[in-house]
Protein backbone atom coordinates (compact mmCIF):
# COMPACT_ATOMS: atom_id res chain seq x y z
CA MET A 1 -86.82 106.19 44.97
CA LYS A 2 -90.42 105.62 43.93
CA LYS A 3 -89.23 104.55 40.49
CA ILE A 4 -87.28 101.64 42.01
CA ILE A 5 -89.40 100.54 44.97
CA PHE A 6 -92.72 100.29 43.15
CA PRO A 7 -91.45 98.06 40.28
CA LEU A 8 -89.58 95.90 42.81
CA LEU A 9 -92.73 95.41 44.89
CA LEU A 10 -94.73 94.77 41.72
CA GLY A 11 -92.12 92.23 40.62
CA ILE A 12 -92.31 90.45 43.97
CA PHE A 13 -96.10 90.39 43.67
CA PHE A 14 -95.86 89.01 40.11
CA LEU A 15 -93.37 86.41 41.32
CA ILE A 16 -95.70 85.29 44.11
CA VAL A 17 -98.64 85.08 41.69
CA GLN A 18 -96.54 83.18 39.16
CA THR A 19 -95.24 80.64 41.67
CA THR A 20 -98.53 80.05 43.50
CA TRP A 21 -101.61 80.66 41.38
CA LEU A 22 -100.18 79.82 37.98
CA THR A 23 -98.79 76.39 38.91
CA PHE A 24 -102.00 74.39 38.81
CA PRO A 25 -101.63 71.15 36.80
CA PRO A 26 -104.00 72.03 33.94
CA ILE A 27 -102.12 75.23 33.05
CA TRP A 28 -98.56 74.63 34.22
CA ARG A 29 -97.29 74.03 30.68
CA ILE A 30 -98.88 77.14 29.19
CA ARG A 31 -98.58 79.53 32.11
CA PRO A 32 -97.31 82.96 31.11
CA ASP A 33 -94.10 84.26 32.60
CA ILE A 34 -95.35 87.54 34.05
CA VAL A 35 -91.98 88.35 35.61
CA LEU A 36 -90.48 88.22 32.11
CA ILE A 37 -93.19 90.66 31.01
CA LEU A 38 -92.17 93.03 33.80
CA THR A 39 -88.51 92.54 32.87
CA LEU A 40 -89.16 93.55 29.27
CA TYR A 41 -91.34 96.47 30.33
CA VAL A 42 -88.57 97.72 32.61
CA GLY A 43 -86.12 97.17 29.76
CA LEU A 44 -88.21 99.37 27.48
CA SER A 45 -88.91 102.13 30.01
CA SER A 46 -86.14 102.35 32.62
CA PRO A 47 -82.56 103.63 32.63
CA PRO A 48 -79.86 100.98 32.19
CA PHE A 49 -78.28 101.08 35.64
CA SER A 50 -81.26 101.15 37.99
CA GLY A 51 -83.33 98.91 35.71
CA GLY A 52 -80.47 96.41 35.46
CA ILE A 53 -80.16 96.21 39.23
CA LEU A 54 -83.92 95.79 39.59
CA VAL A 55 -84.05 93.03 37.00
CA PHE A 56 -81.04 91.28 38.56
CA LEU A 57 -82.83 91.30 41.94
CA LEU A 58 -85.97 89.87 40.35
CA GLY A 59 -83.92 87.16 38.63
CA TYR A 60 -82.17 86.35 41.89
CA LEU A 61 -85.54 86.08 43.65
CA MET A 62 -86.77 83.79 40.87
CA ASP A 63 -83.78 81.56 41.48
CA LEU A 64 -84.60 81.50 45.18
CA PHE A 65 -88.27 80.68 44.59
CA SER A 66 -87.51 77.98 42.03
CA GLY A 67 -84.79 76.32 44.10
CA ASN A 68 -82.35 76.78 41.27
CA GLY A 69 -78.81 76.73 42.57
CA PHE A 70 -77.10 77.81 39.37
CA GLY A 71 -78.32 81.41 39.20
CA LEU A 72 -79.75 80.98 35.72
CA TYR A 73 -82.45 83.62 36.06
CA ALA A 74 -80.05 86.02 37.76
CA PHE A 75 -78.02 85.79 34.54
CA SER A 76 -80.74 85.50 31.89
CA ARG A 77 -83.05 88.29 33.10
CA PRO A 78 -80.40 91.07 33.06
CA PHE A 79 -79.20 89.76 29.69
CA LEU A 80 -82.73 90.05 28.27
CA PHE A 81 -83.13 93.46 29.93
CA TYR A 82 -80.03 94.83 28.21
CA CYS A 83 -81.08 93.28 24.89
CA ALA A 84 -84.45 95.04 25.24
CA GLN A 85 -82.56 98.25 26.05
CA LEU A 86 -80.54 97.77 22.87
CA PHE A 87 -83.60 97.27 20.66
CA LYS A 88 -86.07 99.69 22.26
CA ASP A 89 -85.34 102.59 19.89
CA ARG A 90 -84.87 100.41 16.82
CA ILE A 91 -88.22 98.62 16.67
CA TYR A 92 -91.85 99.70 16.56
CA LEU A 93 -93.80 98.43 19.57
CA GLU A 94 -97.11 100.26 19.32
CA SER A 95 -99.21 97.52 17.73
CA PHE A 96 -100.37 94.24 19.20
CA PRO A 97 -98.59 92.01 16.65
CA SER A 98 -95.25 93.79 17.04
CA ARG A 99 -95.41 93.63 20.85
CA SER A 100 -96.41 89.98 20.78
CA LEU A 101 -93.66 89.04 18.35
CA PHE A 102 -91.11 90.99 20.42
CA VAL A 103 -92.03 89.12 23.61
CA PHE A 104 -92.36 85.76 21.86
CA LEU A 105 -88.84 86.07 20.48
CA PHE A 106 -87.42 87.19 23.83
CA ALA A 107 -89.18 84.35 25.66
CA LEU A 108 -87.78 81.85 23.16
CA ALA A 109 -84.35 83.42 23.52
CA GLU A 110 -84.57 82.97 27.27
CA GLY A 111 -85.55 79.32 26.73
CA PHE A 112 -82.49 78.80 24.52
CA ILE A 113 -80.26 80.57 27.05
CA LEU A 114 -81.57 78.39 29.88
CA LEU A 115 -81.19 75.19 27.86
CA ILE A 116 -77.64 76.06 26.84
CA LEU A 117 -76.63 77.00 30.38
CA LEU A 118 -78.24 73.91 31.89
CA LYS A 119 -76.53 71.68 29.34
CA ALA A 120 -73.17 73.42 29.83
CA LEU A 121 -73.29 73.38 33.63
CA ASN A 122 -74.61 69.86 34.05
CA PRO A 123 -74.16 67.87 30.81
CA GLU A 124 -74.57 64.30 31.99
CA HIS A 125 -77.62 64.55 34.24
CA LEU A 126 -80.00 66.36 31.89
CA PRO A 127 -80.52 64.23 28.78
CA ASN A 128 -84.18 65.11 28.08
CA LEU A 129 -84.05 68.90 27.90
CA TYR A 130 -84.61 69.28 24.18
CA PRO A 131 -88.16 67.81 24.14
CA LEU A 132 -88.99 70.29 26.92
CA PHE A 133 -88.38 73.09 24.47
CA PHE A 134 -91.30 71.99 22.30
CA THR A 135 -93.62 70.90 25.10
CA VAL A 136 -93.00 73.68 27.62
CA PHE A 137 -91.04 76.65 26.20
CA LEU A 138 -93.05 77.15 23.01
CA PRO A 139 -96.50 77.14 24.70
CA GLN A 140 -95.20 79.28 27.56
CA SER A 141 -93.64 81.77 25.12
CA PHE A 142 -96.88 81.99 23.17
CA SER A 143 -99.02 82.61 26.27
CA THR A 144 -96.52 85.19 27.55
CA ALA A 145 -96.65 87.00 24.20
CA LEU A 146 -100.45 87.09 24.27
CA LEU A 147 -100.55 88.47 27.82
CA PHE A 148 -97.81 91.05 27.24
CA SER A 149 -99.93 93.60 25.38
CA VAL A 150 -102.55 93.66 28.11
CA LEU A 151 -100.02 93.96 30.93
CA PHE A 152 -97.88 96.42 28.95
CA SER A 153 -100.85 98.77 28.55
CA LEU A 154 -101.76 98.46 32.23
CA LEU A 155 -98.17 99.04 33.35
CA LYS A 156 -97.84 102.03 31.04
CA LYS A 157 -101.05 103.63 32.35
CA GLY A 158 -100.17 102.82 35.95
CA SER A 159 -96.71 104.31 35.67
CA SER A 160 -98.03 107.47 34.03
CA LEU A 161 -100.51 107.86 36.90
CA LEU A 162 -97.92 107.05 39.55
CA TYR A 163 -95.17 109.30 38.23
CA ALA A 164 -97.35 112.22 37.10
CA GLN A 165 -96.15 115.60 38.30
CA PRO A 166 -98.50 117.41 40.71
CA GLY A 167 -100.65 120.00 38.98
CA THR A 168 -100.18 118.64 35.46
CA GLY A 169 -103.19 116.33 35.35
CA ILE A 170 -102.99 112.71 34.42
CA GLY A 171 -99.50 112.37 33.01
CA GLY A 172 -99.90 115.44 30.83
CA LYS A 173 -98.33 118.86 30.69
CA LEU A 174 -99.84 122.18 31.62
């Protein structure tokens, strides 16, 4: 139970931080998507079923906070989670450049998914979405990739401390 509740509460906290503190006008175009960082971390470290439900709930909450009626994040976040699950054993994610490239590509993929879904669901009312890709999605993907390594290390250390077995020390074995 602790393995589901804590990441959910952390995701809600990240969502609140992302929608309140990171929306100031000077940084709104380059703000990192910290909920996406948590989504990819859960994708790399959680089982498929419980992690998928957790990520779906976080995507649904993002839709609620953003006022999005389509459910785009409720679709895109589980999709990215399962893609991260697919690639987690096939790629090397121990260095800063590999982690950053991994997150940058996933953030760009989410941007493409959102653009395609927005264009498919509402084709006539959204004519200026493609310039948004270069002015918003690329800077946001870059800042998310830079922040991922720091948050990934903190989440990894926090989860090893939180889920350590009693009597084994800090995440180690006897």
